[in-house]
């Protein structure tokens, strides 16, 4: 299936076989002018909340894309949820991490203003940065045909992460840690899993101490040191295998 589009207003009761649904706005324009969708083609349409339908296009205009539903299914939200705390990083390294993590199945992303983050979201840049990450997640979800659209949380401080550590299974990706992520057990005990990735300079010692005192556990992936853009996605791959998602 080459085409997958999103319409967050889509409802399950409107997607019975034989019914007609339509998509407007920028999504219809992109489908018709960029993806070159034409009448008679088959495509997938989801709402980002588990619902995905398969249908046949009956009309295609930049203002509206209409199709007839062939079948629809609702995928339950994966449990436990896996969220990625990605420290802000220079260049586009944090954005690369968010994109790859989305393709690999992350359930949510939390931007983190770490002590060693060179990049900073301040003032108007906070909303702009969050919107940018939301756009990256949306496009990556469409590319990977994901039923659930990951949530982008508000920019977090280290103290806020410490509060989160008390109610989740928080794992700090730290190259000097003695415990290996691949050796972690009881990952499906019911609590959400939160992966924390530091910036280019790593997680500062004071941050490690604060988060570990709050209940977080430091783990390493292997013998090498990965970039901030690859550490999170690599850890997700390990967790996907351990949890039976793959």
Foldseek 3Di string as FASTA:
>chain_A
DQFEFEDQVDDPVQQDAFHKDKDFDQRLLCCCVPVVDAAQDWHWYANQQFKIFIWGWHHGDNGMTMTGTHDMDGDHDDPPAEEEAAEAAPDCLSLLQLLLVLLLPHQAYEYEPAPPHPDDQDDPSQVVVQVVSLVSQNVSCRNNVPNHGHYYDGYDYLVVLLVVLLQAAEEEADLPAPAALLPDPPNRVGGHYYYYFYYQVTHDPVSVVSNVVSPYHYHYHDNDDDHSSVRNSSSSVSVCVVVVVD
